[in-house]
Amino acid sequence: MDSIEIQKVTAGDLIDIRHSVLWPDKPREFVKVPEDDSGIHFGLYFSGELVSVISLFADGQDIRFRKFATLPDFQGKGLGSKLLQHAISYAKAQGYKRMWCDARTDALRFYERFGFQKFSEPFLKEHISYYKIERML
């Protein structure tokens, strides 16, 4: 049986997945976030292979997640859902009141299953449509 493990990882551990999934046509530096060194990063390992990553950044009582990505061969198997649920549980346990992110429009239905709702008009980043979404914790 395949094992699933979620653990904290370093910013360096997740750059390859961020790059290959989110912005493969951009330079690797494009997927780095200035706050990466102060962020909290989680990775989901499937049978020992890092396949999904998420980064959390605190701001007062809010926590933002960024650069949530799952390798294409592992999408649609519930692994990203497990990682996002872990991040939500972590944020609740740490006492944050609200979690939010900039979500690609084509991923809105996924996030709605976790209780996230839009709180902005659509906007573009690099010609891709996004909304700001949030959920109370």
N, C-alpha and C. Protein backbone atom coordinates (compact mmCIF):
# COMPACT_ATOMS: atom_id res chain seq x y z
N MET A 1 0.84 -1.20 0.00
CA MET A 1 0.00 0.00 0.00
C MET A 1 0.88 1.25 0.00
N ASP A 2 0.45 2.25 -0.74
CA ASP A 2 1.21 3.49 -0.83
C ASP A 2 1.03 4.30 0.45
N SER A 3 2.14 4.87 0.91
CA SER A 3 2.09 5.66 2.14
C SER A 3 1.98 7.15 1.80
N ILE A 4 1.28 7.87 2.68
CA ILE A 4 1.13 9.32 2.55
C ILE A 4 1.63 9.93 3.84
N GLU A 5 2.54 10.90 3.69
CA GLU A 5 3.07 11.59 4.85
C GLU A 5 3.11 13.09 4.55
N ILE A 6 2.67 13.90 5.50
CA ILE A 6 2.74 15.36 5.37
C ILE A 6 3.69 15.87 6.42
N GLN A 7 4.64 16.69 6.00
CA GLN A 7 5.60 17.24 6.96
C GLN A 7 6.05 18.62 6.51
N LYS A 8 6.64 19.35 7.45
CA LYS A 8 7.23 20.64 7.09
C LYS A 8 8.42 20.40 6.18
N VAL A 9 8.58 21.29 5.22
CA VAL A 9 9.71 21.24 4.29
C VAL A 9 10.31 22.64 4.23
N THR A 10 11.47 22.74 3.61
CA THR A 10 12.10 24.05 3.44
C THR A 10 11.65 24.67 2.12
N ALA A 11 11.85 25.96 1.99
CA ALA A 11 11.51 26.65 0.75
C ALA A 11 12.26 26.03 -0.42
N GLY A 12 13.50 25.64 -0.20
CA GLY A 12 14.28 25.02 -1.26
C GLY A 12 13.72 23.70 -1.74
N ASP A 13 13.05 22.97 -0.85
CA ASP A 13 12.49 21.67 -1.20
C ASP A 13 11.36 21.77 -2.21
N LEU A 14 10.68 22.90 -2.23
CA LEU A 14 9.45 22.95 -3.03
C LEU A 14 9.55 23.73 -4.33
N ILE A 15 10.67 24.33 -4.59
CA ILE A 15 10.82 25.15 -5.80
C ILE A 15 10.57 24.35 -7.08
N ASP A 16 11.10 23.14 -7.17
CA ASP A 16 10.92 22.34 -8.39
C ASP A 16 9.45 22.07 -8.69
N ILE A 17 8.68 21.73 -7.66
CA ILE A 17 7.26 21.45 -7.89
C ILE A 17 6.52 22.74 -8.25
N ARG A 18 6.78 23.81 -7.51
CA ARG A 18 6.16 25.10 -7.85
C ARG A 18 6.40 25.43 -9.32
N HIS A 19 7.66 25.31 -9.72
CA HIS A 19 8.05 25.70 -11.07
C HIS A 19 7.38 24.82 -12.13
N SER A 20 7.46 23.51 -11.96
CA SER A 20 6.94 22.61 -12.99
C SER A 20 5.42 22.65 -13.11
N VAL A 21 4.72 22.94 -12.01
CA VAL A 21 3.25 22.94 -12.03
C VAL A 21 2.68 24.32 -12.33
N LEU A 22 3.16 25.35 -11.65
CA LEU A 22 2.52 26.66 -11.71
C LEU A 22 2.99 27.54 -12.86
N TRP A 23 4.26 27.61 -13.07
CA TRP A 23 4.81 28.52 -14.07
C TRP A 23 5.97 27.87 -14.82
N PRO A 24 5.72 26.77 -15.55
CA PRO A 24 6.83 26.06 -16.21
C PRO A 24 7.52 26.87 -17.31
N ASP A 25 6.82 27.87 -17.85
CA ASP A 25 7.40 28.67 -18.93
C ASP A 25 8.19 29.87 -18.43
N LYS A 26 8.22 30.06 -17.12
CA LYS A 26 8.95 31.18 -16.53
C LYS A 26 10.26 30.67 -15.92
N PRO A 27 11.20 31.57 -15.65
CA PRO A 27 12.43 31.15 -14.96
C PRO A 27 12.11 30.65 -13.55
N ARG A 28 12.94 29.77 -13.02
CA ARG A 28 12.73 29.21 -11.67
C ARG A 28 12.57 30.32 -10.63
N GLU A 29 13.31 31.41 -10.78
CA GLU A 29 13.24 32.51 -9.80
C GLU A 29 11.83 33.09 -9.70
N PHE A 30 11.04 32.95 -10.76
CA PHE A 30 9.69 33.51 -10.80
C PHE A 30 8.78 32.90 -9.74
N VAL A 31 9.03 31.66 -9.36
CA VAL A 31 8.15 30.97 -8.40
C VAL A 31 8.59 31.17 -6.95
N LYS A 32 9.67 31.90 -6.75
CA LYS A 32 10.09 32.20 -5.38
C LYS A 32 9.30 33.40 -4.87
N VAL A 33 9.06 33.42 -3.57
CA VAL A 33 8.32 34.50 -2.93
C VAL A 33 9.29 35.20 -1.98
N PRO A 34 9.31 36.54 -1.95
CA PRO A 34 10.26 37.23 -1.06
C PRO A 34 10.17 36.76 0.40
N GLU A 35 8.97 36.38 0.84
CA GLU A 35 8.79 35.95 2.23
C GLU A 35 9.06 34.47 2.46
N ASP A 36 9.54 33.75 1.45
CA ASP A 36 9.76 32.31 1.59
C ASP A 36 10.55 31.94 2.84
N ASP A 37 11.57 32.73 3.17
CA ASP A 37 12.41 32.39 4.32
C ASP A 37 11.64 32.44 5.63
N SER A 38 10.59 33.24 5.70
CA SER A 38 9.82 33.34 6.94
C SER A 38 8.52 32.55 6.89
N GLY A 39 8.24 31.91 5.77
CA GLY A 39 7.00 31.15 5.62
C GLY A 39 7.06 29.78 6.27
N ILE A 40 5.90 29.15 6.35
CA ILE A 40 5.78 27.78 6.83
C ILE A 40 5.39 26.95 5.61
N HIS A 41 6.18 25.95 5.32
CA HIS A 41 5.97 25.18 4.10
C HIS A 41 5.68 23.72 4.46
N PHE A 42 4.66 23.17 3.82
CA PHE A 42 4.33 21.76 4.02
C PHE A 42 4.43 21.03 2.69
N GLY A 43 4.85 19.78 2.78
CA GLY A 43 4.91 18.93 1.62
C GLY A 43 4.20 17.62 1.89
N LEU A 44 3.53 17.10 0.88
CA LEU A 44 2.92 15.78 0.97
C LEU A 44 3.79 14.81 0.19
N TYR A 45 4.20 13.76 0.88
CA TYR A 45 5.01 12.71 0.28
C TYR A 45 4.12 11.51 0.01
N PHE A 46 4.18 11.00 -1.21
CA PHE A 46 3.43 9.80 -1.59
C PHE A 46 4.46 8.73 -1.92
N SER A 47 4.47 7.68 -1.13
CA SER A 47 5.47 6.61 -1.27
C SER A 47 6.88 7.17 -1.29
N GLY A 48 7.13 8.15 -0.42
CA GLY A 48 8.46 8.72 -0.28
C GLY A 48 8.81 9.82 -1.25
N GLU A 49 7.94 10.12 -2.20
CA GLU A 49 8.21 11.16 -3.20
C GLU A 49 7.40 12.42 -2.87
N LEU A 50 8.07 13.57 -2.85
CA LEU A 50 7.39 14.84 -2.63
C LEU A 50 6.55 15.15 -3.87
N VAL A 51 5.21 15.21 -3.69
CA VAL A 51 4.33 15.39 -4.84
C VAL A 51 3.40 16.60 -4.75
N SER A 52 3.27 17.20 -3.56
CA SER A 52 2.38 18.34 -3.39
C SER A 52 2.96 19.27 -2.34
N VAL A 53 2.84 20.58 -2.57
CA VAL A 53 3.42 21.57 -1.66
C VAL A 53 2.47 22.74 -1.45
N ILE A 54 2.60 23.38 -0.29
CA ILE A 54 1.83 24.58 0.02
C ILE A 54 2.67 25.44 0.96
N SER A 55 2.57 26.75 0.83
CA SER A 55 3.32 27.68 1.68
C SER A 55 2.34 28.61 2.39
N LEU A 56 2.59 28.82 3.68
CA LEU A 56 1.73 29.66 4.52
C LEU A 56 2.50 30.87 5.02
N PHE A 57 1.82 32.02 5.01
CA PHE A 57 2.45 33.27 5.44
C PHE A 57 1.50 34.00 6.37
N ALA A 58 1.94 34.25 7.59
CA ALA A 58 1.11 34.87 8.61
C ALA A 58 1.16 36.39 8.51
N ASP A 59 0.01 37.02 8.82
CA ASP A 59 -0.10 38.47 8.89
C ASP A 59 -1.15 38.79 9.94
N GLY A 60 -0.72 39.00 11.16
CA GLY A 60 -1.66 39.24 12.25
C GLY A 60 -2.49 37.99 12.50
N GLN A 61 -3.82 38.14 12.46
CA GLN A 61 -4.71 37.01 12.68
C GLN A 61 -5.06 36.28 11.38
N ASP A 62 -4.51 36.76 10.27
CA ASP A 62 -4.74 36.13 8.97
C ASP A 62 -3.55 35.26 8.60
N ILE A 63 -3.84 34.24 7.82
CA ILE A 63 -2.76 33.44 7.24
C ILE A 63 -3.09 33.24 5.77
N ARG A 64 -2.11 33.51 4.94
CA ARG A 64 -2.28 33.41 3.49
C ARG A 64 -1.56 32.17 3.01
N PHE A 65 -2.18 31.45 2.09
CA PHE A 65 -1.43 30.37 1.45
C PHE A 65 -1.14 30.75 0.02
N ARG A 66 0.04 30.30 -0.41
CA ARG A 66 0.53 30.63 -1.75
C ARG A 66 1.23 29.42 -2.33
N LYS A 67 1.31 29.41 -3.65
CA LYS A 67 2.11 28.43 -4.38
C LYS A 67 1.73 26.99 -4.02
N PHE A 68 0.42 26.74 -3.95
CA PHE A 68 -0.12 25.41 -3.68
C PHE A 68 -0.09 24.64 -5.00
N ALA A 69 0.63 23.53 -5.04
CA ALA A 69 0.81 22.81 -6.30
C ALA A 69 0.97 21.32 -6.05
N THR A 70 0.40 20.53 -6.96
CA THR A 70 0.53 19.08 -6.94
C THR A 70 1.00 18.63 -8.31
N LEU A 71 1.98 17.75 -8.35
CA LEU A 71 2.48 17.26 -9.63
C LEU A 71 1.34 16.66 -10.46
N PRO A 72 1.33 16.90 -11.77
CA PRO A 72 0.21 16.46 -12.62
C PRO A 72 -0.13 14.97 -12.50
N ASP A 73 0.86 14.11 -12.42
CA ASP A 73 0.59 12.67 -12.33
C ASP A 73 -0.13 12.29 -11.04
N PHE A 74 -0.15 13.19 -10.06
CA PHE A 74 -0.75 12.90 -8.76
C PHE A 74 -2.01 13.72 -8.50
N GLN A 75 -2.41 14.52 -9.48
CA GLN A 75 -3.64 15.31 -9.34
C GLN A 75 -4.85 14.40 -9.51
N GLY A 76 -5.96 14.80 -8.89
CA GLY A 76 -7.19 14.03 -9.01
C GLY A 76 -7.25 12.80 -8.13
N LYS A 77 -6.31 12.64 -7.23
CA LYS A 77 -6.25 11.48 -6.34
C LYS A 77 -6.54 11.84 -4.88
N GLY A 78 -6.89 13.10 -4.64
CA GLY A 78 -7.20 13.53 -3.28
C GLY A 78 -5.99 13.95 -2.47
N LEU A 79 -4.80 13.95 -3.07
CA LEU A 79 -3.58 14.28 -2.32
C LEU A 79 -3.51 15.77 -2.01
N GLY A 80 -3.80 16.61 -3.00
CA GLY A 80 -3.83 18.05 -2.76
C GLY A 80 -4.88 18.41 -1.73
N SER A 81 -6.01 17.72 -1.77
CA SER A 81 -7.07 17.96 -0.78
C SER A 81 -6.57 17.64 0.63
N LYS A 82 -5.84 16.55 0.77
CA LYS A 82 -5.28 16.19 2.08
C LYS A 82 -4.32 17.26 2.57
N LEU A 83 -3.49 17.78 1.66
CA LEU A 83 -2.52 18.79 2.05
C LEU A 83 -3.22 20.10 2.43
N LEU A 84 -4.21 20.51 1.65
CA LEU A 84 -4.93 21.74 1.98
C LEU A 84 -5.65 21.59 3.32
N GLN A 85 -6.27 20.43 3.55
CA GLN A 85 -6.96 20.22 4.83
C GLN A 85 -5.97 20.27 5.99
N HIS A 86 -4.77 19.74 5.77
CA HIS A 86 -3.72 19.80 6.80
C HIS A 86 -3.37 21.27 7.09
N ALA A 87 -3.22 22.07 6.03
CA ALA A 87 -2.88 23.49 6.21
C ALA A 87 -3.99 24.23 6.96
N ILE A 88 -5.24 23.92 6.64
CA ILE A 88 -6.37 24.55 7.34
C ILE A 88 -6.34 24.16 8.82
N SER A 89 -6.15 22.88 9.09
CA SER A 89 -6.11 22.40 10.48
C SER A 89 -4.96 23.03 11.25
N TYR A 90 -3.80 23.15 10.60
CA TYR A 90 -2.64 23.79 11.22
C TYR A 90 -2.96 25.24 11.58
N ALA A 91 -3.55 25.96 10.62
CA ALA A 91 -3.87 27.38 10.84
C ALA A 91 -4.86 27.55 12.00
N LYS A 92 -5.86 26.69 12.05
CA LYS A 92 -6.83 26.73 13.16
C LYS A 92 -6.13 26.48 14.48
N ALA A 93 -5.29 25.45 14.52
CA ALA A 93 -4.61 25.08 15.77
C ALA A 93 -3.68 26.19 16.25
N GLN A 94 -3.15 26.98 15.32
CA GLN A 94 -2.26 28.08 15.68
C GLN A 94 -3.03 29.34 16.07
N GLY A 95 -4.34 29.31 15.96
CA GLY A 95 -5.16 30.44 16.40
C GLY A 95 -5.45 31.50 15.36
N TYR A 96 -5.12 31.24 14.09
CA TYR A 96 -5.45 32.22 13.05
C TYR A 96 -6.96 32.26 12.86
N LYS A 97 -7.47 33.40 12.45
CA LYS A 97 -8.91 33.60 12.31
C LYS A 97 -9.40 33.49 10.87
N ARG A 98 -8.51 33.78 9.92
CA ARG A 98 -8.91 33.79 8.51
C ARG A 98 -7.78 33.25 7.66
N MET A 99 -8.14 32.45 6.65
CA MET A 99 -7.17 31.97 5.68
C MET A 99 -7.61 32.49 4.31
N TRP A 100 -6.64 32.92 3.51
CA TRP A 100 -6.98 33.46 2.20
C TRP A 100 -5.88 33.18 1.19
N CYS A 101 -6.20 33.39 -0.08
CA CYS A 101 -5.20 33.27 -1.15
C CYS A 101 -5.72 33.93 -2.42
N ASP A 102 -4.83 34.07 -3.38
CA ASP A 102 -5.21 34.44 -4.74
C ASP A 102 -5.38 33.12 -5.49
N ALA A 103 -6.60 32.81 -5.90
CA ALA A 103 -6.89 31.52 -6.54
C ALA A 103 -7.14 31.70 -8.03
N ARG A 104 -6.56 30.81 -8.81
CA ARG A 104 -6.85 30.82 -10.23
C ARG A 104 -8.34 30.52 -10.42
N THR A 105 -8.94 31.23 -11.35
CA THR A 105 -10.38 31.08 -11.58
C THR A 105 -10.75 29.63 -11.87
N ASP A 106 -9.91 28.92 -12.61
CA ASP A 106 -10.25 27.54 -12.95
C ASP A 106 -10.16 26.58 -11.76
N ALA A 107 -9.69 27.06 -10.61
CA ALA A 107 -9.60 26.22 -9.41
C ALA A 107 -10.65 26.59 -8.35
N LEU A 108 -11.53 27.53 -8.65
CA LEU A 108 -12.49 28.01 -7.65
C LEU A 108 -13.36 26.90 -7.08
N ARG A 109 -13.87 26.02 -7.91
CA ARG A 109 -14.74 24.94 -7.42
C ARG A 109 -14.00 24.06 -6.41
N PHE A 110 -12.74 23.80 -6.66
CA PHE A 110 -11.94 23.01 -5.71
C PHE A 110 -11.94 23.69 -4.35
N TYR A 111 -11.63 24.97 -4.31
CA TYR A 111 -11.53 25.70 -3.04
C TYR A 111 -12.89 25.85 -2.35
N GLU A 112 -13.95 25.98 -3.14
CA GLU A 112 -15.28 26.10 -2.56
C GLU A 112 -15.64 24.87 -1.73
N ARG A 113 -15.14 23.71 -2.10
CA ARG A 113 -15.39 22.47 -1.34
C ARG A 113 -14.82 22.55 0.07
N PHE A 114 -13.88 23.45 0.28
CA PHE A 114 -13.24 23.62 1.60
C PHE A 114 -13.79 24.85 2.33
N GLY A 115 -14.83 25.44 1.80
CA GLY A 115 -15.46 26.58 2.47
C GLY A 115 -14.93 27.94 2.08
N PHE A 116 -14.07 28.01 1.07
CA PHE A 116 -13.54 29.30 0.62
C PHE A 116 -14.57 30.01 -0.24
N GLN A 117 -14.59 31.35 -0.13
CA GLN A 117 -15.50 32.17 -0.92
C GLN A 117 -14.73 33.35 -1.51
N LYS A 118 -15.17 33.79 -2.69
CA LYS A 118 -14.55 34.95 -3.34
C LYS A 118 -14.81 36.21 -2.52
N PHE A 119 -13.81 37.08 -2.47
CA PHE A 119 -14.04 38.40 -1.86
C PHE A 119 -13.42 39.52 -2.69
N SER A 120 -13.28 39.27 -3.98
CA SER A 120 -12.76 40.31 -4.88
C SER A 120 -13.39 40.14 -6.25
N GLU A 121 -13.16 41.14 -7.07
CA GLU A 121 -13.47 41.03 -8.49
C GLU A 121 -12.33 40.23 -9.13
N PRO A 122 -12.56 39.67 -10.31
CA PRO A 122 -11.46 38.95 -10.97
C PRO A 122 -10.33 39.91 -11.34
N PHE A 123 -9.12 39.39 -11.33
CA PHE A 123 -7.96 40.18 -11.75
C PHE A 123 -6.99 39.25 -12.46
N LEU A 124 -6.05 39.85 -13.18
CA LEU A 124 -5.11 39.07 -13.97
C LEU A 124 -3.71 39.12 -13.38
N LYS A 125 -3.04 37.99 -13.45
CA LYS A 125 -1.60 37.88 -13.18
C LYS A 125 -1.03 37.12 -14.36
N GLU A 126 -0.12 37.74 -15.06
CA GLU A 126 0.50 37.08 -16.21
C GLU A 126 -0.55 36.48 -17.15
N HIS A 127 -1.61 37.23 -17.41
CA HIS A 127 -2.68 36.85 -18.34
C HIS A 127 -3.54 35.68 -17.85
N ILE A 128 -3.48 35.35 -16.57
CA ILE A 128 -4.31 34.30 -15.98
C ILE A 128 -5.27 34.95 -15.00
N SER A 129 -6.53 34.54 -15.07
CA SER A 129 -7.58 35.13 -14.23
C SER A 129 -7.55 34.54 -12.81
N TYR A 130 -7.67 35.43 -11.82
CA TYR A 130 -7.65 35.05 -10.40
C TYR A 130 -8.77 35.77 -9.66
N TYR A 131 -9.10 35.22 -8.49
CA TYR A 131 -9.93 35.89 -7.49
C TYR A 131 -9.22 35.77 -6.15
N LYS A 132 -9.46 36.72 -5.28
CA LYS A 132 -9.06 36.57 -3.88
C LYS A 132 -10.16 35.76 -3.20
N ILE A 133 -9.76 34.73 -2.46
CA ILE A 133 -10.73 33.89 -1.75
C ILE A 133 -10.34 33.80 -0.29
N GLU A 134 -11.34 33.52 0.56
CA GLU A 134 -11.08 33.44 1.99
C GLU A 134 -12.02 32.45 2.65
N ARG A 135 -11.65 32.03 3.85
CA ARG A 135 -12.56 31.29 4.73
C ARG A 135 -12.18 31.63 6.16
N MET A 136 -13.18 31.70 7.00
CA MET A 136 -12.92 31.92 8.41
C MET A 136 -12.52 30.59 9.04
N LEU A 137 -11.67 30.68 10.06
CA LEU A 137 -11.16 29.44 10.67
C LEU A 137 -11.80 29.15 12.01
